């Protein structure tokens, strides 16, 4: 396995995949092939995952090093991949906003399943789901095993 500098990696993505996925490549914000804005490695990894049309995406804290605007863009793209292309997204996050883009959330505490919630899509808005997530997070932080 080898590693490329973010500028080289972004150049490679643009030259080989631009005709296929212009919108996705726009996400990584290439700055004249001299560098990337934001968190370069995370943005290149996200773009690479989106470009290859995978059946499953493993995302470990995918928004952790992104600003809120780019985190939202990435989560919208992952959500779209799930809904339109039926891509499975397996994501680990501590970010309640990122989690609100999901359909199903498993809360784990001390290595054990603590609670599970599912979004009642399309009847439940993302904002309502976000508030349900916060309630579970409060119970999790308080050590309350009886969530609702």
C-alpha atoms as a PDB file:
ATOM      1  CA  UNK A   1       0.000   0.000   0.000  1.00  0.00           C
ATOM      2  CA  UNK A   2       1.248   3.497  -0.731  1.00  0.00           C
ATOM      3  CA  UNK A   3       0.188   6.985   0.232  1.00  0.00           C
ATOM      4  CA  UNK A   4      -0.022  10.070  -1.931  1.00  0.00           C
ATOM      5  CA  UNK A   5       0.287  13.664  -0.858  1.00  0.00           C
ATOM      6  CA  UNK A   6      -3.235  15.188  -0.879  1.00  0.00           C
ATOM      7  CA  UNK A   7      -2.377  17.416  -3.852  1.00  0.00           C
ATOM      8  CA  UNK A   8      -1.242  14.434  -5.923  1.00  0.00           C
ATOM      9  CA  UNK A   9      -4.229  12.377  -4.819  1.00  0.00           C
ATOM     10  CA  UNK A  10      -6.633  15.174  -5.721  1.00  0.00           C
ATOM     11  CA  UNK A  11      -4.935  15.630  -9.096  1.00  0.00           C
ATOM     12  CA  UNK A  12      -5.286  11.889  -9.753  1.00  0.00           C
ATOM     13  CA  UNK A  13      -8.969  11.958  -8.831  1.00  0.00           C
ATOM     14  CA  UNK A  14      -9.645  14.954 -11.056  1.00  0.00           C
ATOM     15  CA  UNK A  15      -7.759  13.713 -14.115  1.00  0.00           C
ATOM     16  CA  UNK A  16      -9.187  10.196 -14.047  1.00  0.00           C
ATOM     17  CA  UNK A  17     -12.717  10.653 -12.767  1.00  0.00           C
ATOM     18  CA  UNK A  18     -13.763  14.221 -13.596  1.00  0.00           C
ATOM     19  CA  UNK A  19     -15.768  13.181 -16.657  1.00  0.00           C
ATOM     20  CA  UNK A  20     -17.663  10.656 -14.517  1.00  0.00           C
ATOM     21  CA  UNK A  21     -18.400  12.480 -11.292  1.00  0.00           C
ATOM     22  CA  UNK A  22     -17.892  16.218 -11.628  1.00  0.00           C
ATOM     23  CA  UNK A  23     -20.281  17.065  -8.823  1.00  0.00           C
ATOM     24  CA  UNK A  24     -18.540  14.789  -6.344  1.00  0.00           C
ATOM     25  CA  UNK A  25     -15.089  16.009  -7.312  1.00  0.00           C
ATOM     26  CA  UNK A  26     -16.283  19.551  -6.726  1.00  0.00           C
ATOM     27  CA  UNK A  27     -16.796  18.500  -3.129  1.00  0.00           C
ATOM     28  CA  UNK A  28     -13.082  18.119  -2.435  1.00  0.00           C
ATOM     29  CA  UNK A  29     -12.507  21.792  -3.393  1.00  0.00           C
ATOM     30  CA  UNK A  30      -9.375  21.414  -5.465  1.00  0.00           C
ATOM     31  CA  UNK A  31      -7.362  24.621  -5.268  1.00  0.00           C
ATOM     32  CA  UNK A  32      -5.333  24.709  -8.469  1.00  0.00           C
ATOM     33  CA  UNK A  33      -3.914  21.234  -7.752  1.00  0.00           C
ATOM     34  CA  UNK A  34      -1.562  22.795  -5.183  1.00  0.00           C
ATOM     35  CA  UNK A  35      -3.524  21.788  -2.136  1.00  0.00           C
ATOM     36  CA  UNK A  36      -6.908  21.158  -0.639  1.00  0.00           C
ATOM     37  CA  UNK A  37      -8.982  23.313   1.652  1.00  0.00           C
ATOM     38  CA  UNK A  38     -10.140  21.858   4.946  1.00  0.00           C
ATOM     39  CA  UNK A  39      -8.974  18.434   6.048  1.00  0.00           C
ATOM     40  CA  UNK A  40      -7.212  17.114   2.932  1.00  0.00           C
ATOM     41  CA  UNK A  41      -6.999  13.423   3.711  1.00  0.00           C
ATOM     42  CA  UNK A  42     -10.576  13.161   4.935  1.00  0.00           C
ATOM     43  CA  UNK A  43     -11.932  15.017   1.917  1.00  0.00           C
ATOM     44  CA  UNK A  44      -9.956  12.898  -0.576  1.00  0.00           C
ATOM     45  CA  UNK A  45     -11.022   9.690   1.183  1.00  0.00           C
ATOM     46  CA  UNK A  46     -14.655  10.786   1.098  1.00  0.00           C
ATOM     47  CA  UNK A  47     -14.487  11.724  -2.577  1.00  0.00           C
ATOM     48  CA  UNK A  48     -12.821   8.416  -3.419  1.00  0.00           C
ATOM     49  CA  UNK A  49     -15.569   6.503  -1.603  1.00  0.00           C
ATOM     50  CA  UNK A  50     -18.289   8.462  -3.387  1.00  0.00           C
ATOM     51  CA  UNK A  51     -16.742   8.113  -6.846  1.00  0.00           C
ATOM     52  CA  UNK A  52     -16.381   4.335  -6.825  1.00  0.00           C
ATOM     53  CA  UNK A  53     -20.122   3.631  -6.340  1.00  0.00           C
ATOM     54  CA  UNK A  54     -19.607   1.036  -3.592  1.00  0.00           C
ATOM     55  CA  UNK A  55     -22.352  -1.233  -2.274  1.00  0.00           C
ATOM     56  CA  UNK A  56     -21.193  -0.522   1.294  1.00  0.00           C
ATOM     57  CA  UNK A  57     -19.319   2.396   2.841  1.00  0.00           C
ATOM     58  CA  UNK A  58     -17.528   2.092   6.195  1.00  0.00           C
ATOM     59  CA  UNK A  59     -17.252   5.571   7.706  1.00  0.00           C
ATOM     60  CA  UNK A  60     -15.372   6.130  10.956  1.00  0.00           C
ATOM     61  CA  UNK A  61     -16.166   9.657  12.187  1.00  0.00           C
ATOM     62  CA  UNK A  62     -16.556  10.907   8.587  1.00  0.00           C
ATOM     63  CA  UNK A  63     -17.307  14.487   9.634  1.00  0.00           C
ATOM     64  CA  UNK A  64     -14.797  14.728  12.486  1.00  0.00           C
ATOM     65  CA  UNK A  65     -12.257  16.970  10.735  1.00  0.00           C
ATOM     66  CA  UNK A  66     -14.675  18.862   8.488  1.00  0.00           C
ATOM     67  CA  UNK A  67     -16.259  22.247   9.023  1.00  0.00           C
ATOM     68  CA  UNK A  68     -20.048  22.262   9.427  1.00  0.00           C
ATOM     69  CA  UNK A  69     -20.756  23.211   5.794  1.00  0.00           C
ATOM     70  CA  UNK A  70     -18.655  20.401   4.342  1.00  0.00           C
ATOM     71  CA  UNK A  71     -19.858  17.940   6.980  1.00  0.00           C
ATOM     72  CA  UNK A  72     -23.440  18.638   5.891  1.00  0.00           C
ATOM     73  CA  UNK A  73     -22.531  18.236   2.209  1.00  0.00           C
ATOM     74  CA  UNK A  74     -20.843  14.899   2.901  1.00  0.00           C
ATOM     75  CA  UNK A  75     -23.755  13.609   5.001  1.00  0.00           C
ATOM     76  CA  UNK A  76     -26.236  14.664   2.302  1.00  0.00           C
ATOM     77  CA  UNK A  77     -24.199  12.744  -0.290  1.00  0.00           C
ATOM     78  CA  UNK A  78     -24.025   9.639   1.901  1.00  0.00           C
ATOM     79  CA  UNK A  79     -27.752   9.861   2.605  1.00  0.00           C
ATOM     80  CA  UNK A  80     -28.455  10.213  -1.117  1.00  0.00           C
ATOM     81  CA  UNK A  81     -26.267   7.191  -1.868  1.00  0.00           C
ATOM     82  CA  UNK A  82     -28.263   5.198   0.675  1.00  0.00           C
ATOM     83  CA  UNK A  83     -31.687   6.278  -0.546  1.00  0.00           C
ATOM     84  CA  UNK A  84     -31.143   6.439  -4.306  1.00  0.00           C
ATOM     85  CA  UNK A  85     -28.416   3.876  -4.975  1.00  0.00           C
ATOM     86  CA  UNK A  86     -29.265   1.614  -2.006  1.00  0.00           C
ATOM     87  CA  UNK A  87     -25.686   1.814  -0.714  1.00  0.00           C
ATOM     88  CA  UNK A  88     -25.289   0.554   2.833  1.00  0.00           C
ATOM     89  CA  UNK A  89     -23.568   3.102   5.053  1.00  0.00           C
ATOM     90  CA  UNK A  90     -22.023   1.786   8.275  1.00  0.00           C
ATOM     91  CA  UNK A  91     -20.952   4.840  10.221  1.00  0.00           C
ATOM     92  CA  UNK A  92     -19.392   5.330  13.641  1.00  0.00           C
ATOM     93  CA  UNK A  93     -19.876   8.816  15.045  1.00  0.00           C
ATOM     94  CA  UNK A  94     -20.250  10.828  18.222  1.00  0.00           C
ATOM     95  CA  UNK A  95     -21.882  13.638  16.222  1.00  0.00           C
ATOM     96  CA  UNK A  96     -25.647  13.804  16.766  1.00  0.00           C
ATOM     97  CA  UNK A  97     -26.115  15.982  13.676  1.00  0.00           C
ATOM     98  CA  UNK A  98     -24.320  13.451  11.460  1.00  0.00           C
ATOM     99  CA  UNK A  99     -26.332  10.645  13.071  1.00  0.00           C
ATOM    100  CA  UNK A 100     -29.583  12.472  12.252  1.00  0.00           C
ATOM    101  CA  UNK A 101     -28.959  11.743   8.551  1.00  0.00           C
ATOM    102  CA  UNK A 102     -29.195   8.005   9.283  1.00  0.00           C
ATOM    103  CA  UNK A 103     -32.194   5.673   9.247  1.00  0.00           C
ATOM    104  CA  UNK A 104     -31.099   3.417  12.092  1.00  0.00           C
ATOM    105  CA  UNK A 105     -28.851   4.103  15.048  1.00  0.00           C
ATOM    106  CA  UNK A 106     -27.354   1.643  17.495  1.00  0.00           C
ATOM    107  CA  UNK A 107     -26.082   3.187  20.722  1.00  0.00           C
ATOM    108  CA  UNK A 108     -23.244   1.294  22.361  1.00  0.00           C
ATOM    109  CA  UNK A 109     -22.115   1.769  25.950  1.00  0.00           C
ATOM    110  CA  UNK A 110     -19.327  -0.180  27.632  1.00  0.00           C
ATOM    111  CA  UNK A 111     -19.118  -2.536  24.670  1.00  0.00           C
ATOM    112  CA  UNK A 112     -22.803  -3.481  24.809  1.00  0.00           C
ATOM    113  CA  UNK A 113     -25.848  -2.461  22.830  1.00  0.00           C
ATOM    114  CA  UNK A 114     -27.530   0.236  24.898  1.00  0.00           C
ATOM    115  CA  UNK A 115     -30.428   1.262  22.668  1.00  0.00           C
ATOM    116  CA  UNK A 116     -31.622   1.299  19.073  1.00  0.00           C
ATOM    117  CA  UNK A 117     -33.752   3.860  17.292  1.00  0.00           C
ATOM    118  CA  UNK A 118     -35.034   4.017  13.729  1.00  0.00           C
ATOM    119  CA  UNK A 119     -36.170   7.071  11.846  1.00  0.00           C
ATOM    120  CA  UNK A 120     -39.803   6.935  10.817  1.00  0.00           C
ATOM    121  CA  UNK A 121     -38.981   8.032   7.281  1.00  0.00           C
ATOM    122  CA  UNK A 122     -40.556  10.001   5.562  1.00  0.00           C
ATOM    123  CA  UNK A 123     -43.019  10.987   8.308  1.00  0.00           C
ATOM    124  CA  UNK A 124     -40.329  11.974  10.814  1.00  0.00           C
ATOM    125  CA  UNK A 125     -38.259  15.003   9.885  1.00  0.00           C
ATOM    126  CA  UNK A 126     -34.506  15.003  10.302  1.00  0.00           C
ATOM    127  CA  UNK A 127     -34.884  17.650  13.009  1.00  0.00           C
ATOM    128  CA  UNK A 128     -37.365  15.506  14.981  1.00  0.00           C
ATOM    129  CA  UNK A 129     -35.054  12.505  14.666  1.00  0.00           C
ATOM    130  CA  UNK A 130     -32.155  14.660  15.860  1.00  0.00           C
ATOM    131  CA  UNK A 131     -34.113  15.526  19.018  1.00  0.00           C
ATOM    132  CA  UNK A 132     -34.839  11.847  19.651  1.00  0.00           C
ATOM    133  CA  UNK A 133     -31.111  11.148  19.300  1.00  0.00           C
ATOM    134  CA  UNK A 134     -30.340  13.845  21.879  1.00  0.00           C
ATOM    135  CA  UNK A 135     -32.777  12.258  24.351  1.00  0.00           C
ATOM    136  CA  UNK A 136     -31.038   8.906  24.037  1.00  0.00           C
ATOM    137  CA  UNK A 137     -27.628  10.575  24.330  1.00  0.00           C
ATOM    138  CA  UNK A 138     -28.758  12.280  27.558  1.00  0.00           C
ATOM    139  CA  UNK A 139     -29.911   8.957  28.969  1.00  0.00           C
ATOM    140  CA  UNK A 140     -26.664   7.333  27.866  1.00  0.00           C
ATOM    141  CA  UNK A 141     -24.594  10.026  29.578  1.00  0.00           C
ATOM    142  CA  UNK A 142     -26.689   9.724  32.724  1.00  0.00           C
ATOM    143  CA  UNK A 143     -26.341   5.969  32.881  1.00  0.00           C
ATOM    144  CA  UNK A 144     -30.104   5.478  32.669  1.00  0.00           C
ATOM    145  CA  UNK A 145     -30.791   2.039  31.199  1.00  0.00           C
ATOM    146  CA  UNK A 146     -34.467   2.869  30.690  1.00  0.00           C
ATOM    147  CA  UNK A 147     -34.681   5.031  27.606  1.00  0.00           C
ATOM    148  CA  UNK A 148     -38.364   5.958  27.197  1.00  0.00           C
END
